Amino acid sequence: MDLINSYAIVAYVAGPIARFADRLRGDLVPGTGHHAHITILPPRPLCCPVSEAIEFARPLVGQFEPFEVRIGGIAVFEATQVIHLSVVKGFDELAALHQALNAGGLGQREAYQFTPHITLGHQFPDGSFEGSLETARRRWEEFGEAGPLRINALTFVQQRADLGWEDLAELELGRVGAGIEELRS
């Protein structure tokens, strides 16, 4: 699969909240295949070799201890009509990770203020946003109480030409100086 010069760092989520988000995203925007995650660094081109960017990020991520995240509920970024799950606990830790990593070869000026979240849908066909938002709210109410998510690692990813994402390396929290095996060379 062809890869393009667009990279991001994400925290994949697991458990019931991940299954909920993946299922709902598939229903709202069919063909969306990237597993539920919280983006730490939004997609960006690199101006340095990938290996250099990963080695820049690894010790920074290792300085942070694993932490808990709790989801608040359905929210919307009005300017872009992105439906997402808000973060109510772990927000400060996620923002600190973003700030630490948005430097050096990974640094760039963000188009929007960084706000940790789990995307459920965006780029809706004309006229379908309100119905999609209502569906998301109804399903969230049916879902019930969301348990905590544990953030132990981040993943350095690269976008494919088909708009999917390829995992390149895992970056473990609380592992300053530890050699973590890359997922692919």
Protein backbone atom coordinates (compact mmCIF):
# COMPACT_ATOMS: atom_id res chain seq x y z
CA MET A 1 0.00 0.00 0.00
CA ASP A 2 1.34 3.44 -0.90
CA LEU A 3 2.15 5.69 2.05
CA ILE A 4 2.11 9.49 1.98
CA ASN A 5 3.98 12.19 3.91
CA SER A 6 1.31 12.56 6.60
CA TYR A 7 2.02 11.35 10.14
CA ALA A 8 0.19 11.48 13.46
CA ILE A 9 0.53 10.20 17.02
CA VAL A 10 -2.55 8.58 18.55
CA ALA A 11 -3.64 6.76 21.70
CA TYR A 12 -5.74 3.77 20.66
CA VAL A 13 -8.63 2.99 22.99
CA ALA A 14 -9.93 -0.46 23.87
CA GLY A 15 -12.90 -2.13 25.53
CA PRO A 16 -16.59 -1.23 25.36
CA ILE A 17 -15.99 2.43 24.47
CA ALA A 18 -13.81 1.42 21.50
CA ARG A 19 -16.44 -1.04 20.25
CA PHE A 20 -19.12 1.65 20.65
CA ALA A 21 -17.06 4.27 18.77
CA ASP A 22 -16.01 1.90 15.97
CA ARG A 23 -19.57 0.64 15.41
CA LEU A 24 -21.12 4.12 15.50
CA ARG A 25 -18.47 5.62 13.24
CA GLY A 26 -19.06 2.82 10.73
CA ASP A 27 -22.80 3.54 10.79
CA LEU A 28 -22.43 7.34 10.53
CA VAL A 29 -19.69 7.37 7.89
CA PRO A 30 -19.39 3.99 6.17
CA GLY A 31 -15.88 3.07 5.09
CA THR A 32 -14.14 4.76 8.01
CA GLY A 33 -11.65 2.12 9.04
CA HIS A 34 -9.24 3.66 11.57
CA HIS A 35 -9.72 2.09 14.99
CA ALA A 36 -11.08 4.31 17.82
CA HIS A 37 -8.36 6.59 19.14
CA ILE A 38 -7.54 9.92 20.73
CA THR A 39 -5.29 11.96 18.46
CA ILE A 40 -2.31 13.46 20.30
CA LEU A 41 -0.64 15.02 17.24
CA PRO A 42 -2.99 15.67 14.31
CA PRO A 43 -1.78 14.63 10.84
CA ARG A 44 1.23 16.55 9.58
CA PRO A 45 4.05 16.21 7.06
CA LEU A 46 7.54 15.44 8.33
CA CYS A 47 10.60 17.45 7.36
CA CYS A 48 12.97 14.83 8.81
CA PRO A 49 13.39 11.06 8.41
CA VAL A 50 10.66 8.96 10.05
CA SER A 51 13.19 7.17 12.27
CA GLU A 52 14.44 10.52 13.54
CA ALA A 53 10.88 11.67 14.36
CA ILE A 54 10.17 8.42 16.23
CA GLU A 55 13.40 8.68 18.21
CA PHE A 56 12.55 12.32 19.04
CA ALA A 57 9.11 11.30 20.33
CA ARG A 58 10.08 8.15 22.25
CA PRO A 59 11.89 9.76 25.24
CA LEU A 60 9.31 12.56 25.45
CA VAL A 61 6.45 10.06 25.73
CA GLY A 62 8.51 7.99 28.19
CA GLN A 63 8.59 10.91 30.62
CA PHE A 64 4.81 10.65 31.11
CA GLU A 65 3.32 8.05 33.44
CA PRO A 66 0.30 6.00 32.30
CA PHE A 67 -3.00 7.66 33.23
CA GLU A 68 -6.78 7.30 33.09
CA VAL A 69 -9.15 8.97 30.67
CA ARG A 70 -12.91 9.26 31.11
CA ILE A 71 -15.33 10.10 28.35
CA GLY A 72 -17.99 12.76 28.91
CA GLY A 73 -20.43 12.30 26.06
CA ILE A 74 -21.36 13.39 22.56
CA ALA A 75 -20.08 16.79 21.49
CA VAL A 76 -19.58 18.72 18.24
CA PHE A 77 -16.83 20.91 16.84
CA GLU A 78 -19.19 23.42 15.23
CA ALA A 79 -16.63 24.99 12.84
CA THR A 80 -15.94 21.64 11.16
CA GLN A 81 -19.12 19.69 12.04
CA VAL A 82 -17.14 16.88 13.63
CA ILE A 83 -19.17 14.68 15.98
CA HIS A 84 -17.00 13.29 18.77
CA LEU A 85 -16.83 11.90 22.28
CA SER A 86 -15.50 14.49 24.72
CA VAL A 87 -12.79 13.83 27.30
CA VAL A 88 -13.58 14.90 30.88
CA LYS A 89 -10.75 13.21 32.81
CA GLY A 90 -7.20 12.98 31.50
CA PHE A 91 -7.69 16.13 29.41
CA ASP A 92 -4.71 17.91 31.02
CA GLU A 93 -2.41 14.90 30.56
CA LEU A 94 -3.38 14.56 26.90
CA ALA A 95 -2.85 18.29 26.34
CA ALA A 96 0.58 18.08 28.02
CA LEU A 97 1.54 15.18 25.73
CA HIS A 98 0.44 17.22 22.72
CA GLN A 99 2.44 20.23 23.85
CA ALA A 100 5.59 18.17 24.49
CA LEU A 101 5.40 16.37 21.14
CA ASN A 102 4.47 19.38 19.00
CA ALA A 103 8.13 20.45 18.78
CA GLY A 104 11.28 19.78 16.79
CA GLY A 105 10.72 17.79 13.60
CA LEU A 106 7.12 17.11 14.72
CA GLY A 107 6.23 20.72 15.48
CA GLN A 108 3.73 22.73 13.49
CA ARG A 109 1.14 25.42 14.02
CA GLU A 110 -2.21 23.69 14.56
CA ALA A 111 -5.20 24.73 12.44
CA TYR A 112 -7.45 24.42 15.52
CA GLN A 113 -6.90 24.54 19.27
CA PHE A 114 -5.93 21.06 20.49
CA THR A 115 -8.91 19.40 22.18
CA PRO A 116 -8.60 15.69 23.08
CA HIS A 117 -11.56 13.65 21.77
CA ILE A 118 -12.60 10.46 19.97
CA THR A 119 -13.93 11.27 16.49
CA LEU A 120 -17.22 9.58 15.58
CA GLY A 121 -17.91 11.26 12.25
CA HIS A 122 -17.02 14.12 9.94
CA GLN A 123 -17.39 15.14 6.31
CA PHE A 124 -21.05 14.16 6.26
CA PRO A 125 -22.99 14.25 2.99
CA ASP A 126 -25.10 17.40 2.60
CA GLY A 127 -28.15 17.40 4.82
CA SER A 128 -27.13 14.39 6.94
CA PHE A 129 -25.30 16.09 9.81
CA GLU A 130 -28.34 16.73 12.07
CA GLY A 131 -29.65 13.18 11.65
CA SER A 132 -26.19 11.77 12.36
CA LEU A 133 -25.89 13.90 15.48
CA GLU A 134 -29.29 12.72 16.73
CA THR A 135 -28.30 9.09 16.08
CA ALA A 136 -25.03 9.58 18.00
CA ARG A 137 -26.82 11.16 20.98
CA ARG A 138 -29.48 8.43 21.10
CA ARG A 139 -26.89 5.63 20.92
CA TRP A 140 -24.76 7.27 23.61
CA GLU A 141 -27.79 7.41 25.94
CA GLU A 142 -28.42 3.71 25.25
CA PHE A 143 -24.75 2.88 25.86
CA GLY A 144 -24.85 3.91 29.51
CA GLU A 145 -21.92 4.59 31.82
CA ALA A 146 -18.50 4.52 30.16
CA GLY A 147 -15.72 3.08 32.29
CA PRO A 148 -12.23 4.56 32.42
CA LEU A 149 -9.70 4.14 29.63
CA ARG A 150 -6.07 3.50 30.54
CA ILE A 151 -3.45 5.24 28.39
CA ASN A 152 -0.22 3.23 28.55
CA ALA A 153 1.20 3.84 25.08
CA LEU A 154 0.89 6.00 22.00
CA THR A 155 1.28 4.90 18.40
CA PHE A 156 3.17 6.74 15.67
CA VAL A 157 1.14 6.31 12.44
CA GLN A 158 1.48 7.16 8.75
CA GLN A 159 -1.37 7.83 6.35
CA ARG A 160 -1.84 5.58 3.33
CA ALA A 161 -2.90 6.77 -0.10
CA ASP A 162 -6.31 5.08 0.50
CA LEU A 163 -6.69 7.42 3.55
CA GLY A 164 -6.22 4.56 6.02
CA TRP A 165 -3.37 4.55 8.53
CA GLU A 166 -0.34 2.32 9.05
CA ASP A 167 1.09 1.79 12.56
CA LEU A 168 4.83 2.51 12.54
CA ALA A 169 5.96 2.41 16.18
CA GLU A 170 4.59 2.07 19.69
CA LEU A 171 5.76 4.66 22.23
CA GLU A 172 5.28 3.52 25.82
CA LEU A 173 4.54 5.94 28.64
CA GLY A 174 6.71 5.71 31.75
CA ARG A 175 9.59 4.09 29.88
CA VAL A 176 12.29 6.75 29.66
CA GLY A 177 15.24 5.28 27.79
CA ALA A 178 13.58 1.89 27.21
CA GLY A 179 14.10 0.40 23.75
CA ILE A 180 10.64 -0.35 22.37
CA GLU A 181 10.52 -2.56 19.30
CA GLU A 182 9.17 -0.77 16.23
CA LEU A 183 6.17 -2.34 14.55
CA ARG A 184 7.78 -2.04 11.12
CA SER A 185 11.10 -0.75 9.81
